[in-house]
Amino acid sequence: MAFAKKDEGIAVVHPANIVRAIVRINGTAPFVQHRFWKKAEMMEGMATAKADKKTKNQRQIRDYDAEFLAAQHRSTDGWPGIPCPAFRSAMIGACRTVGLVMTTSKMAVFVIADGFDVEDGTPLVRIIGGEPERLDAAVRNANGSVDIRVRPMWRAWSADVTIEFDADMISPESVINLLDRAGRQVGVGEGRPFSKNSVGQGWGTFAVDTSHGA
């Protein structure tokens, strides 16, 4: 462990033992994505006078194809991706399954981006699995009304997740096992098992591919 030691009253701090590994994961259930794309619309609404809002609030015809595209994270190079924080959050959440201190893991494990979202710069892990299909799902809003939500779905998907970690705080084997637990017990994306808002749809689960060499 790289603990500071005192030498004649002076603390000695050793360099962080940072290691990088690329881990292939395979989806064990469909991955469904929901990129928050209504920011510009909300900002326009906040800047619009109340008198003008009445005409703007008239029901407009929805463009479901546009919503389908807007719900996807796309890199500056055009490929689809999953936000890096989704994987890191899942790994930190999986610490509960083995009694690890989550605040410590926040300083020990990091997910490195393959690229960045063309719209908002979100760091992304590239999805291996081609283009998604359009999922049109009926949902019930908080006020009881029924709505249609359009989401991209990848039924078969994989990813090469690049992880950096402090090997003085967590072993390489433990990092792999933590990512695998994150995939099996937490998940990523819409309808994941460990969702804050529901018990999930069983989507977004994955497992580490132990046969794939990094």
C-alpha atoms as a PDB file:
ATOM      1  CA  MET A   1       0.000   0.000   0.000  1.00  0.00           C
ATOM      2  CA  ALA A   2       1.283   3.497  -0.854  1.00  0.00           C
ATOM      3  CA  PHE A   3       0.779   5.001   2.591  1.00  0.00           C
ATOM      4  CA  ALA A   4       2.699   8.128   3.515  1.00  0.00           C
ATOM      5  CA  LYS A   5       5.636   7.531   5.858  1.00  0.00           C
ATOM      6  CA  LYS A   6       7.332  10.022   8.118  1.00  0.00           C
ATOM      7  CA  ASP A   7      11.059  10.526   7.734  1.00  0.00           C
ATOM      8  CA  GLU A   8      12.381  13.046  10.253  1.00  0.00           C
ATOM      9  CA  GLY A   9       9.026  14.800  10.345  1.00  0.00           C
ATOM     10  CA  ILE A  10       8.545  14.882   6.527  1.00  0.00           C
ATOM     11  CA  ALA A  11       5.699  12.911   4.924  1.00  0.00           C
ATOM     12  CA  VAL A  12       6.832  10.711   2.024  1.00  0.00           C
ATOM     13  CA  VAL A  13       4.151   9.996  -0.606  1.00  0.00           C
ATOM     14  CA  HIS A  14       4.856   7.380  -3.265  1.00  0.00           C
ATOM     15  CA  PRO A  15       3.567   7.765  -6.848  1.00  0.00           C
ATOM     16  CA  ALA A  16       0.142   6.274  -7.596  1.00  0.00           C
ATOM     17  CA  ASN A  17       0.442   2.782  -9.078  1.00  0.00           C
ATOM     18  CA  ILE A  18      -1.944   3.387 -11.972  1.00  0.00           C
ATOM     19  CA  VAL A  19      -2.619   0.417 -14.258  1.00  0.00           C
ATOM     20  CA  ARG A  20      -4.739   0.340 -17.431  1.00  0.00           C
ATOM     21  CA  ALA A  21      -6.686  -2.664 -18.722  1.00  0.00           C
ATOM     22  CA  ILE A  22      -9.072  -3.177 -21.633  1.00  0.00           C
ATOM     23  CA  VAL A  23     -11.908  -5.569 -20.781  1.00  0.00           C
ATOM     24  CA  ARG A  24     -14.358  -7.008 -23.315  1.00  0.00           C
ATOM     25  CA  ILE A  25     -17.930  -7.264 -22.069  1.00  0.00           C
ATOM     26  CA  ASN A  26     -20.880  -8.942 -23.805  1.00  0.00           C
ATOM     27  CA  GLY A  27     -24.475  -7.912 -23.271  1.00  0.00           C
ATOM     28  CA  THR A  28     -26.623 -10.597 -21.661  1.00  0.00           C
ATOM     29  CA  ALA A  29     -29.819  -8.585 -22.302  1.00  0.00           C
ATOM     30  CA  PRO A  30     -30.772  -5.780 -24.714  1.00  0.00           C
ATOM     31  CA  PHE A  31     -29.277  -2.349 -24.071  1.00  0.00           C
ATOM     32  CA  VAL A  32     -31.777   0.536 -24.271  1.00  0.00           C
ATOM     33  CA  GLN A  33     -30.599   4.139 -24.233  1.00  0.00           C
ATOM     34  CA  HIS A  34     -32.177   7.462 -23.287  1.00  0.00           C
ATOM     35  CA  ARG A  35     -30.050  10.505 -23.916  1.00  0.00           C
ATOM     36  CA  PHE A  36     -31.465  13.649 -22.267  1.00  0.00           C
ATOM     37  CA  TRP A  37     -31.981  15.757 -25.376  1.00  0.00           C
ATOM     38  CA  LYS A  38     -34.640  18.316 -24.339  1.00  0.00           C
ATOM     39  CA  LYS A  39     -32.205  20.791 -22.768  1.00  0.00           C
ATOM     40  CA  ALA A  40     -32.517  23.321 -25.624  1.00  0.00           C
ATOM     41  CA  GLU A  41     -36.315  23.064 -25.529  1.00  0.00           C
ATOM     42  CA  MET A  42     -36.343  23.675 -21.759  1.00  0.00           C
ATOM     43  CA  MET A  43     -34.026  26.684 -22.064  1.00  0.00           C
ATOM     44  CA  GLU A  44     -36.265  28.169 -24.757  1.00  0.00           C
ATOM     45  CA  GLY A  45     -39.307  27.686 -22.522  1.00  0.00           C
ATOM     46  CA  MET A  46     -37.622  29.412 -19.604  1.00  0.00           C
ATOM     47  CA  ALA A  47     -36.756  32.383 -21.812  1.00  0.00           C
ATOM     48  CA  THR A  48     -40.257  32.709 -23.296  1.00  0.00           C
ATOM     49  CA  ALA A  49     -42.752  35.191 -21.836  1.00  0.00           C
ATOM     50  CA  LYS A  50     -45.950  33.741 -20.322  1.00  0.00           C
ATOM     51  CA  ALA A  51     -48.108  35.438 -22.956  1.00  0.00           C
ATOM     52  CA  ASP A  52     -46.211  33.683 -25.731  1.00  0.00           C
ATOM     53  CA  LYS A  53     -46.214  30.282 -24.004  1.00  0.00           C
ATOM     54  CA  LYS A  54     -49.947  29.807 -24.577  1.00  0.00           C
ATOM     55  CA  THR A  55     -49.464  29.549 -28.330  1.00  0.00           C
ATOM     56  CA  LYS A  56     -46.297  27.439 -27.980  1.00  0.00           C
ATOM     57  CA  ASN A  57     -48.075  24.957 -25.695  1.00  0.00           C
ATOM     58  CA  GLN A  58     -50.514  23.931 -28.406  1.00  0.00           C
ATOM     59  CA  ARG A  59     -50.179  20.238 -29.150  1.00  0.00           C
ATOM     60  CA  GLN A  60     -47.618  19.629 -31.900  1.00  0.00           C
ATOM     61  CA  ILE A  61     -47.188  16.578 -34.121  1.00  0.00           C
ATOM     62  CA  ARG A  62     -44.340  14.462 -32.775  1.00  0.00           C
ATOM     63  CA  ASP A  63     -41.476  13.340 -34.982  1.00  0.00           C
ATOM     64  CA  TYR A  64     -40.761   9.851 -33.644  1.00  0.00           C
ATOM     65  CA  ASP A  65     -37.807   9.282 -35.970  1.00  0.00           C
ATOM     66  CA  ALA A  66     -36.204  12.491 -34.712  1.00  0.00           C
ATOM     67  CA  GLU A  67     -36.797  11.404 -31.089  1.00  0.00           C
ATOM     68  CA  PHE A  68     -35.214   8.024 -31.883  1.00  0.00           C
ATOM     69  CA  LEU A  69     -32.047   9.699 -33.169  1.00  0.00           C
ATOM     70  CA  ALA A  70     -31.979  12.290 -30.391  1.00  0.00           C
ATOM     71  CA  ALA A  71     -32.115   9.574 -27.710  1.00  0.00           C
ATOM     72  CA  GLN A  72     -28.768   8.168 -28.883  1.00  0.00           C
ATOM     73  CA  HIS A  73     -25.288   9.150 -27.748  1.00  0.00           C
ATOM     74  CA  ARG A  74     -23.119   9.643 -30.842  1.00  0.00           C
ATOM     75  CA  SER A  75     -19.421  10.436 -30.864  1.00  0.00           C
ATOM     76  CA  THR A  76     -17.749  13.127 -32.944  1.00  0.00           C
ATOM     77  CA  ASP A  77     -16.815  10.294 -35.343  1.00  0.00           C
ATOM     78  CA  GLY A  78     -20.429   9.144 -35.621  1.00  0.00           C
ATOM     79  CA  TRP A  79     -20.366   5.831 -33.736  1.00  0.00           C
ATOM     80  CA  PRO A  80     -22.866   5.088 -30.932  1.00  0.00           C
ATOM     81  CA  GLY A  81     -21.639   4.886 -27.370  1.00  0.00           C
ATOM     82  CA  ILE A  82     -22.512   4.391 -23.721  1.00  0.00           C
ATOM     83  CA  PRO A  83     -21.512   7.138 -21.253  1.00  0.00           C
ATOM     84  CA  CYS A  84     -18.400   6.229 -19.251  1.00  0.00           C
ATOM     85  CA  PRO A  85     -20.079   7.364 -15.998  1.00  0.00           C
ATOM     86  CA  ALA A  86     -22.702   4.611 -16.492  1.00  0.00           C
ATOM     87  CA  PHE A  87     -20.037   1.907 -16.163  1.00  0.00           C
ATOM     88  CA  ARG A  88     -18.173   3.650 -13.342  1.00  0.00           C
ATOM     89  CA  SER A  89     -21.413   4.233 -11.430  1.00  0.00           C
ATOM     90  CA  ALA A  90     -22.354   0.576 -11.900  1.00  0.00           C
ATOM     91  CA  MET A  91     -18.972  -0.564 -10.565  1.00  0.00           C
ATOM     92  CA  ILE A  92     -19.202   1.748  -7.561  1.00  0.00           C
ATOM     93  CA  GLY A  93     -22.758   0.518  -6.933  1.00  0.00           C
ATOM     94  CA  ALA A  94     -21.569  -3.099  -7.131  1.00  0.00           C
ATOM     95  CA  CYS A  95     -19.252  -2.416  -4.182  1.00  0.00           C
ATOM     96  CA  ARG A  96     -22.329  -2.993  -2.006  1.00  0.00           C
ATOM     97  CA  THR A  97     -22.311  -6.666  -2.999  1.00  0.00           C
ATOM     98  CA  VAL A  98     -18.887  -7.301  -1.478  1.00  0.00           C
ATOM     99  CA  GLY A  99     -18.724  -4.739   1.320  1.00  0.00           C
ATOM    100  CA  LEU A 100     -16.219  -2.385  -0.333  1.00  0.00           C
ATOM    101  CA  VAL A 101     -16.277   1.266   0.720  1.00  0.00           C
ATOM    102  CA  MET A 102     -17.791   3.148  -2.226  1.00  0.00           C
ATOM    103  CA  THR A 103     -16.028   6.434  -1.449  1.00  0.00           C
ATOM    104  CA  THR A 104     -12.685   4.622  -1.650  1.00  0.00           C
ATOM    105  CA  SER A 105     -13.549   2.990  -4.978  1.00  0.00           C
ATOM    106  CA  LYS A 106     -14.336   6.438  -6.413  1.00  0.00           C
ATOM    107  CA  MET A 107     -10.626   7.247  -6.049  1.00  0.00           C
ATOM    108  CA  ALA A 108      -9.417   3.842  -7.233  1.00  0.00           C
ATOM    109  CA  VAL A 109     -11.309   3.008 -10.461  1.00  0.00           C
ATOM    110  CA  PHE A 110     -11.874   5.116 -13.591  1.00  0.00           C
ATOM    111  CA  VAL A 111     -13.355   4.409 -17.046  1.00  0.00           C
ATOM    112  CA  ILE A 112     -11.448   5.917 -19.980  1.00  0.00           C
ATOM    113  CA  ALA A 113     -13.358   7.306 -22.965  1.00  0.00           C
ATOM    114  CA  ASP A 114     -13.088   6.005 -26.522  1.00  0.00           C
ATOM    115  CA  GLY A 115     -14.530   9.319 -27.696  1.00  0.00           C
ATOM    116  CA  PHE A 116     -16.892  12.132 -26.764  1.00  0.00           C
ATOM    117  CA  ASP A 117     -20.520  12.964 -27.526  1.00  0.00           C
ATOM    118  CA  VAL A 118     -20.812  15.324 -30.482  1.00  0.00           C
ATOM    119  CA  GLU A 119     -23.515  17.401 -28.734  1.00  0.00           C
ATOM    120  CA  ASP A 120     -22.470  17.761 -25.096  1.00  0.00           C
ATOM    121  CA  GLY A 121     -19.002  16.208 -24.797  1.00  0.00           C
ATOM    122  CA  THR A 122     -20.091  13.265 -22.629  1.00  0.00           C
ATOM    123  CA  PRO A 123     -17.239  10.683 -22.516  1.00  0.00           C
ATOM    124  CA  LEU A 124     -18.311   7.495 -24.287  1.00  0.00           C
ATOM    125  CA  VAL A 125     -17.450   3.806 -24.526  1.00  0.00           C
ATOM    126  CA  ARG A 126     -18.028   2.602 -28.078  1.00  0.00           C
ATOM    127  CA  ILE A 127     -20.840   0.090 -28.634  1.00  0.00           C
ATOM    128  CA  ILE A 128     -19.895  -2.962 -30.668  1.00  0.00           C
ATOM    129  CA  GLY A 129     -23.090  -4.219 -32.277  1.00  0.00           C
ATOM    130  CA  GLY A 130     -24.037  -2.127 -35.266  1.00  0.00           C
ATOM    131  CA  GLU A 131     -27.024   0.168 -35.453  1.00  0.00           C
ATOM    132  CA  PRO A 132     -29.964   0.001 -33.010  1.00  0.00           C
ATOM    133  CA  GLU A 133     -33.609  -0.750 -33.718  1.00  0.00           C
ATOM    134  CA  ARG A 134     -36.391   1.641 -32.728  1.00  0.00           C
ATOM    135  CA  LEU A 135     -38.319   0.697 -29.606  1.00  0.00           C
ATOM    136  CA  ASP A 136     -41.752   2.323 -29.195  1.00  0.00           C
ATOM    137  CA  ALA A 137     -42.963   1.686 -25.651  1.00  0.00           C
ATOM    138  CA  ALA A 138     -46.177   2.763 -23.949  1.00  0.00           C
ATOM    139  CA  VAL A 139     -45.514   4.221 -20.494  1.00  0.00           C
ATOM    140  CA  ARG A 140     -47.613   5.832 -17.783  1.00  0.00           C
ATOM    141  CA  ASN A 141     -46.597   9.326 -16.671  1.00  0.00           C
ATOM    142  CA  ALA A 142     -46.627  10.508 -13.056  1.00  0.00           C
ATOM    143  CA  ASN A 143     -49.988  12.233 -13.626  1.00  0.00           C
ATOM    144  CA  GLY A 144     -51.544   8.951 -14.803  1.00  0.00           C
ATOM    145  CA  SER A 145     -51.623   9.756 -18.518  1.00  0.00           C
ATOM    146  CA  VAL A 146     -50.250   7.308 -21.068  1.00  0.00           C
ATOM    147  CA  ASP A 147     -47.405   8.321 -23.381  1.00  0.00           C
ATOM    148  CA  ILE A 148     -45.197   6.770 -26.057  1.00  0.00           C
ATOM    149  CA  ARG A 149     -41.458   6.771 -25.450  1.00  0.00           C
ATOM    150  CA  VAL A 150     -39.112   6.164 -28.359  1.00  0.00           C
ATOM    151  CA  ARG A 151     -35.751   4.610 -27.530  1.00  0.00           C
ATOM    152  CA  PRO A 152     -32.859   2.964 -29.397  1.00  0.00           C
ATOM    153  CA  MET A 153     -32.344  -0.718 -28.537  1.00  0.00           C
ATOM    154  CA  TRP A 154     -29.352  -2.949 -29.213  1.00  0.00           C
ATOM    155  CA  ARG A 155     -30.443  -6.577 -28.794  1.00  0.00           C
ATOM    156  CA  ALA A 156     -26.927  -7.936 -29.221  1.00  0.00           C
ATOM    157  CA  TRP A 157     -24.049  -5.743 -28.083  1.00  0.00           C
ATOM    158  CA  SER A 158     -20.523  -5.737 -26.716  1.00  0.00           C
ATOM    159  CA  ALA A 159     -17.942  -3.160 -25.683  1.00  0.00           C
ATOM    160  CA  ASP A 160     -14.247  -2.918 -24.882  1.00  0.00           C
ATOM    161  CA  VAL A 161     -14.172  -1.030 -21.588  1.00  0.00           C
ATOM    162  CA  THR A 162     -10.860   0.672 -20.805  1.00  0.00           C
ATOM    163  CA  ILE A 163     -10.333   0.878 -17.055  1.00  0.00           C
ATOM    164  CA  GLU A 164      -7.608   2.675 -15.122  1.00  0.00           C
ATOM    165  CA  PHE A 165      -7.142   1.739 -11.483  1.00  0.00           C
ATOM    166  CA  ASP A 166      -4.747   2.193  -8.597  1.00  0.00           C
ATOM    167  CA  ALA A 167      -3.162  -1.224  -8.134  1.00  0.00           C
ATOM    168  CA  ASP A 168      -2.100  -0.250  -4.599  1.00  0.00           C
ATOM    169  CA  MET A 169      -5.794   0.059  -3.681  1.00  0.00           C
ATOM    170  CA  ILE A 170      -7.401  -2.759  -5.687  1.00  0.00           C
ATOM    171  CA  SER A 171      -5.995  -5.793  -7.490  1.00  0.00           C
ATOM    172  CA  PRO A 172      -6.431  -6.381 -11.255  1.00  0.00           C
ATOM    173  CA  GLU A 173      -8.485  -9.523 -10.570  1.00  0.00           C
ATOM    174  CA  SER A 174     -10.775  -7.584  -8.243  1.00  0.00           C
ATOM    175  CA  VAL A 175     -11.332  -4.907 -10.905  1.00  0.00           C
ATOM    176  CA  ILE A 176     -12.416  -7.563 -13.428  1.00  0.00           C
ATOM    177  CA  ASN A 177     -14.702  -9.203 -10.870  1.00  0.00           C
ATOM    178  CA  LEU A 178     -16.176  -5.843  -9.853  1.00  0.00           C
ATOM    179  CA  LEU A 179     -16.991  -5.009 -13.484  1.00  0.00           C
ATOM    180  CA  ASP A 180     -18.579  -8.432 -13.926  1.00  0.00           C
ATOM    181  CA  ARG A 181     -20.714  -7.959 -10.793  1.00  0.00           C
ATOM    182  CA  ALA A 182     -21.681  -4.497 -12.055  1.00  0.00           C
ATOM    183  CA  GLY A 183     -22.934  -6.072 -15.269  1.00  0.00           C
ATOM    184  CA  ARG A 184     -24.825  -8.928 -13.672  1.00  0.00           C
ATOM    185  CA  GLN A 185     -26.319  -7.123 -10.670  1.00  0.00           C
ATOM    186  CA  VAL A 186     -26.498  -3.405 -11.536  1.00  0.00           C
ATOM    187  CA  GLY A 187     -26.564  -2.948 -15.314  1.00  0.00           C
ATOM    188  CA  VAL A 188     -26.450   0.152 -17.520  1.00  0.00           C
ATOM    189  CA  GLY A 189     -29.011   2.154 -19.495  1.00  0.00           C
ATOM    190  CA  GLU A 190     -32.794   2.151 -19.377  1.00  0.00           C
ATOM    191  CA  GLY A 191     -34.613  -0.641 -17.522  1.00  0.00           C
ATOM    192  CA  ARG A 192     -31.478  -1.856 -15.727  1.00  0.00           C
ATOM    193  CA  PRO A 193     -31.978  -4.091 -12.670  1.00  0.00           C
ATOM    194  CA  PHE A 194     -30.584  -1.619 -10.130  1.00  0.00           C
ATOM    195  CA  SER A 195     -32.561   1.442 -11.217  1.00  0.00           C
ATOM    196  CA  LYS A 196     -33.262   4.303  -8.807  1.00  0.00           C
ATOM    197  CA  ASN A 197     -36.826   4.635 -10.078  1.00  0.00           C
ATOM    198  CA  SER A 198     -37.930   1.018 -10.489  1.00  0.00           C
ATOM    199  CA  VAL A 199     -36.916  -2.631 -10.360  1.00  0.00           C
ATOM    200  CA  GLY A 200     -36.051  -2.395 -14.053  1.00  0.00           C
ATOM    201  CA  GLN A 201     -36.965  -4.399 -17.135  1.00  0.00           C
ATOM    202  CA  GLY A 202     -33.998  -6.734 -16.969  1.00  0.00           C
ATOM    203  CA  TRP A 203     -32.228  -4.711 -19.676  1.00  0.00           C
ATOM    204  CA  GLY A 204     -28.641  -3.486 -19.750  1.00  0.00           C
ATOM    205  CA  THR A 205     -26.979  -6.479 -18.081  1.00  0.00           C
ATOM    206  CA  PHE A 206     -23.617  -7.786 -19.257  1.00  0.00           C
ATOM    207  CA  ALA A 207     -20.793 -10.160 -18.363  1.00  0.00           C
ATOM    208  CA  VAL A 208     -17.028 -10.018 -18.717  1.00  0.00           C
ATOM    209  CA  ASP A 209     -15.758 -12.102 -21.642  1.00  0.00           C
ATOM    210  CA  THR A 210     -12.968 -14.116 -20.029  1.00  0.00           C
ATOM    211  CA  SER A 211     -12.078 -15.728 -23.363  1.00  0.00           C
ATOM    212  CA  HIS A 212     -11.229 -12.398 -24.982  1.00  0.00           C
ATOM    213  CA  GLY A 213      -7.638 -11.288 -24.549  1.00  0.00           C
ATOM    214  CA  ALA A 214      -7.127  -7.622 -23.684  1.00  0.00           C
END
